[in-house]
C-alpha atoms as a PDB file:
ATOM      1  CA  MET A   1      24.678  -6.689  66.040  1.00  0.00           C
ATOM      2  CA  ILE A   2      22.448  -7.765  63.198  1.00  0.00           C
ATOM      3  CA  SER A   3      22.160 -11.485  62.508  1.00  0.00           C
ATOM      4  CA  GLY A   4      23.983 -12.358  59.329  1.00  0.00           C
ATOM      5  CA  GLY A   5      25.120  -8.708  58.555  1.00  0.00           C
ATOM      6  CA  GLN A   6      28.143  -7.070  59.418  1.00  0.00           C
ATOM      7  CA  ILE A   7      28.404  -3.804  61.444  1.00  0.00           C
ATOM      8  CA  ALA A   8      29.895  -0.603  59.325  1.00  0.00           C
ATOM      9  CA  ARG A   9      32.731   0.911  61.007  1.00  0.00           C
ATOM     10  CA  LYS A  10      32.790   4.622  61.962  1.00  0.00           C
ATOM     11  CA  GLY A  11      32.869   6.663  58.794  1.00  0.00           C
ATOM     12  CA  GLU A  12      31.527   3.940  56.741  1.00  0.00           C
ATOM     13  CA  ILE A  13      27.956   3.549  55.182  1.00  0.00           C
ATOM     14  CA  GLN A  14      26.637  -0.109  54.839  1.00  0.00           C
ATOM     15  CA  VAL A  15      24.105  -0.803  51.963  1.00  0.00           C
ATOM     16  CA  ASN A  16      21.849  -3.980  51.779  1.00  0.00           C
ATOM     17  CA  VAL A  17      22.503  -4.800  48.107  1.00  0.00           C
ATOM     18  CA  LYS A  18      19.714  -7.852  48.227  1.00  0.00           C
ATOM     19  CA  SER A  19      16.975  -5.181  48.408  1.00  0.00           C
ATOM     20  CA  LEU A  20      18.203  -3.264  45.450  1.00  0.00           C
ATOM     21  CA  VAL A  21      18.351  -6.554  43.207  1.00  0.00           C
ATOM     22  CA  HIS A  22      14.407  -6.570  43.702  1.00  0.00           C
ATOM     23  CA  TRP A  23      13.858  -3.056  41.818  1.00  0.00           C
ATOM     24  CA  LYS A  24      16.039  -4.389  38.709  1.00  0.00           C
ATOM     25  CA  PRO A  25      12.844  -5.889  36.841  1.00  0.00           C
ATOM     26  CA  TYR A  26      10.833  -2.741  37.512  1.00  0.00           C
ATOM     27  CA  LEU A  27      13.489  -0.577  36.028  1.00  0.00           C
ATOM     28  CA  ILE A  28      14.077  -2.831  32.951  1.00  0.00           C
ATOM     29  CA  LEU A  29      10.200  -2.482  32.534  1.00  0.00           C
ATOM     30  CA  THR A  30      10.310   1.148  33.041  1.00  0.00           C
ATOM     31  CA  VAL A  31      12.980   1.753  30.399  1.00  0.00           C
ATOM     32  CA  PHE A  32      11.159  -0.719  28.019  1.00  0.00           C
ATOM     33  CA  MET A  33       7.871   0.942  28.422  1.00  0.00           C
ATOM     34  CA  ILE A  34       9.550   4.395  27.591  1.00  0.00           C
ATOM     35  CA  SER A  35      11.268   2.938  24.726  1.00  0.00           C
ATOM     36  CA  LEU A  36       7.863   1.595  23.207  1.00  0.00           C
ATOM     37  CA  ALA A  37       6.109   4.851  23.580  1.00  0.00           C
ATOM     38  CA  SER A  38       8.831   6.582  21.487  1.00  0.00           C
ATOM     39  CA  VAL A  39       8.796   4.194  18.508  1.00  0.00           C
ATOM     40  CA  PRO A  40       5.837   5.242  16.618  1.00  0.00           C
ATOM     41  CA  SER A  41       7.097   8.656  15.942  1.00  0.00           C
ATOM     42  CA  PHE A  42       9.904   7.259  14.148  1.00  0.00           C
ATOM     43  CA  ALA A  43       8.467   3.776  12.513  1.00  0.00           C
ATOM     44  CA  GLN A  44       6.812   3.335   9.415  1.00  0.00           C
ATOM     45  CA  SER A  45       3.764   1.076   9.589  1.00  0.00           C
ATOM     46  CA  THR A  46       2.371  -0.585   6.163  1.00  0.00           C
ATOM     47  CA  ASN A  47      -0.993   0.355   5.324  1.00  0.00           C
ATOM     48  CA  VAL A  48      -3.628  -1.362   3.098  1.00  0.00           C
ATOM     49  CA  TYR A  49      -6.003   0.365   0.974  1.00  0.00           C
ATOM     50  CA  VAL A  50      -8.719  -1.680  -0.841  1.00  0.00           C
ATOM     51  CA  LEU A  51      -9.374  -0.253  -4.184  1.00  0.00           C
ATOM     52  CA  LYS A  52     -12.281  -1.601  -6.103  1.00  0.00           C
ATOM     53  CA  ASN A  53     -12.649  -2.136  -9.719  1.00  0.00           C
ATOM     54  CA  PRO A  54     -15.363   0.483 -10.676  1.00  0.00           C
ATOM     55  CA  VAL A  55     -16.974  -1.955 -13.088  1.00  0.00           C
ATOM     56  CA  GLY A  56     -16.933  -5.294 -11.592  1.00  0.00           C
ATOM     57  CA  GLY A  57     -16.559  -4.426  -7.902  1.00  0.00           C
ATOM     58  CA  GLN A  58     -13.293  -6.785  -7.709  1.00  0.00           C
ATOM     59  CA  PRO A  59     -11.256  -5.515  -4.596  1.00  0.00           C
ATOM     60  CA  TYR A  60      -7.660  -4.985  -5.019  1.00  0.00           C
ATOM     61  CA  ASN A  61      -5.401  -4.805  -2.063  1.00  0.00           C
ATOM     62  CA  VAL A  62      -2.959  -2.079  -2.299  1.00  0.00           C
ATOM     63  CA  ASN A  63      -0.313  -1.921   0.428  1.00  0.00           C
ATOM     64  CA  TYR A  64       1.701   1.480   1.029  1.00  0.00           C
ATOM     65  CA  THR A  65       3.791   3.166   3.403  1.00  0.00           C
ATOM     66  CA  ILE A  66       3.825   7.032   3.648  1.00  0.00           C
ATOM     67  CA  THR A  67       5.550   9.827   5.545  1.00  0.00           C
ATOM     68  CA  GLY A  68       4.542  13.463   5.838  1.00  0.00           C
ATOM     69  CA  ALA A  69       1.051  12.803   4.560  1.00  0.00           C
ATOM     70  CA  THR A  70      -2.369  10.625   4.773  1.00  0.00           C
ATOM     71  CA  ILE A  71      -4.032   9.179   1.981  1.00  0.00           C
ATOM     72  CA  ASN A  72      -7.773  10.256   1.305  1.00  0.00           C
ATOM     73  CA  ASP A  73      -8.781   8.168  -1.306  1.00  0.00           C
ATOM     74  CA  MET A  74      -7.663   5.758  -4.347  1.00  0.00           C
ATOM     75  CA  LEU A  75      -9.467   5.534  -7.537  1.00  0.00           C
ATOM     76  CA  ILE A  76      -9.009   3.616 -10.647  1.00  0.00           C
ATOM     77  CA  ASN A  77      -9.175   5.690 -13.890  1.00  0.00           C
ATOM     78  CA  THR A  78     -10.108   3.452 -16.661  1.00  0.00           C
ATOM     79  CA  HIS A  79     -10.121   6.021 -19.519  1.00  0.00           C
ATOM     80  CA  GLU A  80      -6.359   7.292 -18.282  1.00  0.00           C
ATOM     81  CA  THR A  81      -5.451   3.770 -17.480  1.00  0.00           C
ATOM     82  CA  SER A  82      -4.159   5.209 -14.227  1.00  0.00           C
ATOM     83  CA  VAL A  83      -4.340   4.783 -10.315  1.00  0.00           C
ATOM     84  CA  VAL A  84      -4.803   8.270  -8.733  1.00  0.00           C
ATOM     85  CA  ILE A  85      -4.268   8.758  -5.172  1.00  0.00           C
ATOM     86  CA  SER A  86      -5.694  11.487  -2.988  1.00  0.00           C
ATOM     87  CA  LEU A  87      -3.506  12.820   0.042  1.00  0.00           C
ATOM     88  CA  ASN A  88      -3.385  15.442   2.630  1.00  0.00           C
ATOM     89  CA  SER A  89       0.293  16.098   3.196  1.00  0.00           C
ATOM     90  CA  THR A  90       1.511  18.077   6.087  1.00  0.00           C
ATOM     91  CA  SER A  91       5.264  18.154   4.911  1.00  0.00           C
ATOM     92  CA  ASP A  92       7.346  16.899   2.607  1.00  0.00           C
ATOM     93  CA  GLY A  93       7.159  12.863   2.500  1.00  0.00           C
ATOM     94  CA  ASN A  94       7.458   9.628   0.598  1.00  0.00           C
ATOM     95  CA  LEU A  95       4.865   7.341  -0.389  1.00  0.00           C
ATOM     96  CA  ILE A  96       5.979   3.653  -1.310  1.00  0.00           C
ATOM     97  CA  VAL A  97       2.973   1.746  -2.750  1.00  0.00           C
ATOM     98  CA  ASP A  98       2.856  -1.864  -4.069  1.00  0.00           C
ATOM     99  CA  LEU A  99       0.607  -1.861  -7.424  1.00  0.00           C
ATOM    100  CA  PRO A 100      -0.506  -5.407  -8.120  1.00  0.00           C
ATOM    101  CA  ARG A 101       0.141  -6.006 -11.979  1.00  0.00           C
ATOM    102  CA  THR A 102      -3.422  -7.420 -12.004  1.00  0.00           C
ATOM    103  CA  LEU A 103      -4.532  -3.869 -10.974  1.00  0.00           C
ATOM    104  CA  ILE A 104      -2.078  -1.839 -13.459  1.00  0.00           C
ATOM    105  CA  ASP A 105       0.874  -2.419 -15.424  1.00  0.00           C
ATOM    106  CA  ALA A 106       3.107  -0.912 -17.975  1.00  0.00           C
ATOM    107  CA  LYS A 107       3.975  -2.897 -20.832  1.00  0.00           C
ATOM    108  CA  ALA A 108       5.690  -2.573 -24.263  1.00  0.00           C
ATOM    109  CA  GLY A 109       4.917  -5.959 -25.758  1.00  0.00           C
ATOM    110  CA  ALA A 110       5.834  -8.537 -23.439  1.00  0.00           C
ATOM    111  CA  ASN A 111       8.268  -6.434 -21.797  1.00  0.00           C
ATOM    112  CA  ASP A 112       8.177  -4.146 -18.796  1.00  0.00           C
ATOM    113  CA  ASP A 113       7.717  -0.433 -19.652  1.00  0.00           C
ATOM    114  CA  GLN A 114       8.144   2.768 -17.182  1.00  0.00           C
ATOM    115  CA  PHE A 115       5.108   4.035 -15.507  1.00  0.00           C
ATOM    116  CA  ILE A 116       4.582   7.748 -15.681  1.00  0.00           C
ATOM    117  CA  VAL A 117       4.109   9.565 -12.446  1.00  0.00           C
ATOM    118  CA  LEU A 118       2.601  12.788 -11.646  1.00  0.00           C
ATOM    119  CA  VAL A 119       2.596  14.826  -8.707  1.00  0.00           C
ATOM    120  CA  ASP A 120      -0.002  17.501  -8.689  1.00  0.00           C
ATOM    121  CA  ASP A 121      -0.156  17.188 -12.652  1.00  0.00           C
ATOM    122  CA  THR A 122       3.829  17.482 -12.725  1.00  0.00           C
ATOM    123  CA  TYR A 123       6.074  14.576 -14.063  1.00  0.00           C
ATOM    124  CA  THR A 124       8.239  13.447 -11.319  1.00  0.00           C
ATOM    125  CA  ASP A 125      10.967  10.743 -10.971  1.00  0.00           C
ATOM    126  CA  PHE A 126      10.747   7.739  -8.938  1.00  0.00           C
ATOM    127  CA  HIS A 127      12.279   4.441  -7.722  1.00  0.00           C
ATOM    128  CA  GLU A 128      10.892   1.296  -8.596  1.00  0.00           C
ATOM    129  CA  SER A 129      11.297  -2.569  -7.852  1.00  0.00           C
ATOM    130  CA  LYS A 130       9.478  -5.308  -9.789  1.00  0.00           C
ATOM    131  CA  THR A 131       8.278  -8.641  -8.963  1.00  0.00           C
ATOM    132  CA  SER A 132       6.251 -11.311 -11.079  1.00  0.00           C
ATOM    133  CA  THR A 133       2.928 -10.173  -9.315  1.00  0.00           C
ATOM    134  CA  ASP A 134       3.800  -6.110  -8.187  1.00  0.00           C
ATOM    135  CA  ARG A 135       5.512  -3.346  -9.070  1.00  0.00           C
ATOM    136  CA  THR A 136       6.539  -1.198  -6.084  1.00  0.00           C
ATOM    137  CA  LEU A 137       6.981   2.626  -6.625  1.00  0.00           C
ATOM    138  CA  SER A 138       8.728   5.128  -4.222  1.00  0.00           C
ATOM    139  CA  ILE A 139       7.470   8.460  -5.106  1.00  0.00           C
ATOM    140  CA  ALA A 140       8.762  11.420  -3.164  1.00  0.00           C
ATOM    141  CA  PHE A 141       6.259  14.526  -2.572  1.00  0.00           C
ATOM    142  CA  THR A 142       6.639  18.231  -1.055  1.00  0.00           C
ATOM    143  CA  ASN A 143       4.272  19.555   1.590  1.00  0.00           C
ATOM    144  CA  GLY A 144       1.046  20.803   0.069  1.00  0.00           C
ATOM    145  CA  THR A 145       0.772  17.875  -2.554  1.00  0.00           C
ATOM    146  CA  GLN A 146      -2.722  16.926  -2.802  1.00  0.00           C
ATOM    147  CA  ARG A 147      -2.656  14.197  -5.917  1.00  0.00           C
ATOM    148  CA  ILE A 148      -0.447  11.507  -7.240  1.00  0.00           C
ATOM    149  CA  GLU A 149      -1.385   9.859 -10.341  1.00  0.00           C
ATOM    150  CA  VAL A 150       0.425   6.465 -11.524  1.00  0.00           C
ATOM    151  CA  ILE A 151      -0.003   5.936 -15.491  1.00  0.00           C
ATOM    152  CA  GLY A 152       0.260   2.620 -16.969  1.00  0.00           C
ATOM    153  CA  THR A 153      -0.538   0.996 -20.367  1.00  0.00           C
ATOM    154  CA  GLN A 154      -3.051  -1.179 -18.902  1.00  0.00           C
ATOM    155  CA  VAL A 155      -5.341  -1.157 -16.047  1.00  0.00           C
ATOM    156  CA  VAL A 156      -8.001  -3.675 -14.439  1.00  0.00           C
ATOM    157  CA  PRO A 157     -10.211  -4.660 -17.473  1.00  0.00           C
ATOM    158  CA  GLU A 158     -13.132  -2.519 -18.081  1.00  0.00           C
ATOM    159  CA  PHE A 159     -15.462  -5.074 -18.387  1.00  0.00           C
ATOM    160  CA  GLY A 160     -15.134  -8.237 -16.433  1.00  0.00           C
ATOM    161  CA  SER A 161     -15.431 -12.300 -17.416  1.00  0.00           C
ATOM    162  CA  LEU A 162     -19.309 -11.690 -17.215  1.00  0.00           C
ATOM    163  CA  SER A 163     -19.148  -9.537 -20.567  1.00  0.00           C
ATOM    164  CA  PHE A 164     -17.071 -12.148 -22.539  1.00  0.00           C
ATOM    165  CA  VAL A 165     -19.955 -14.911 -21.534  1.00  0.00           C
ATOM    166  CA  ILE A 166     -22.563 -12.203 -22.856  1.00  0.00           C
ATOM    167  CA  LEU A 167     -20.710 -11.112 -25.673  1.00  0.00           C
ATOM    168  CA  THR A 168     -20.147 -14.866 -26.795  1.00  0.00           C
ATOM    169  CA  ALA A 169     -23.826 -15.722 -26.345  1.00  0.00           C
ATOM    170  CA  SER A 170     -24.995 -12.600 -28.362  1.00  0.00           C
ATOM    171  CA  ILE A 171     -22.712 -13.748 -31.316  1.00  0.00           C
ATOM    172  CA  LEU A 172     -24.023 -16.996 -31.046  1.00  0.00           C
ATOM    173  CA  SER A 173     -27.704 -16.008 -31.251  1.00  0.00           C
ATOM    174  CA  MET A 174     -27.191 -13.562 -33.937  1.00  0.00           C
ATOM    175  CA  VAL A 175     -25.651 -16.526 -36.032  1.00  0.00           C
ATOM    176  CA  ILE A 176     -28.469 -18.858 -35.179  1.00  0.00           C
ATOM    177  CA  ILE A 177     -30.991 -16.237 -36.040  1.00  0.00           C
ATOM    178  CA  PHE A 178     -29.154 -15.521 -39.370  1.00  0.00           C
ATOM    179  CA  SER A 179     -29.171 -18.821 -40.373  1.00  0.00           C
ATOM    180  CA  LYS A 180     -32.758 -19.494 -39.741  1.00  0.00           C
ATOM    181  CA  THR A 181     -33.824 -16.311 -41.496  1.00  0.00           C
ATOM    182  CA  LYS A 182     -31.533 -17.004 -44.262  1.00  0.00           C
ATOM    183  CA  SER A 183     -33.255 -20.583 -45.205  1.00  0.00           C
ATOM    184  CA  LYS A 184     -36.620 -18.941 -44.531  1.00  0.00           C
ATOM    185  CA  PHE A 185     -36.202 -16.190 -47.220  1.00  0.00           C
ATOM    186  CA  GLY A 186     -34.058 -18.519 -49.336  1.00  0.00           C
ATOM    187  CA  LEU A 187     -31.034 -16.467 -49.243  1.00  0.00           C
END
């Protein structure tokens, strides 16, 4: 007879449960690790693209989530008042992009207006949510899409605050020169 244990009767199997309890943490850890490995294929992560003003160089953080593609580049088109997003799509997908109002906005007077969204130069429907600082667009696209353009009514100022200072200094110097020239020539 074993100390502290019981003898199994004929036809019975005796299992020491205490030794199996030590495997429980390892089993839980294994299941947890397997579940972590499978999550990235289903989860969407938020990415940040730093978009720079082509004139002043001011950076704008553009948060986005994308499925079915990767973003190659984002550009500000000041002439078209738009943000152009170049992408490499591998399947049908969706782009959710948070556009700061300081970067691009669509206004009709003081009120918000609709953006125009082009997917490979074709008008497309989109969903939008707004805050006082951002406008979030959800844009569906098909496999093979290469370009998404969001057109607003205003995009980052073409000239930064330094240009305002230069313009003011130029006007003041012209006024001073004109006033001195006027008195010199008796005008």
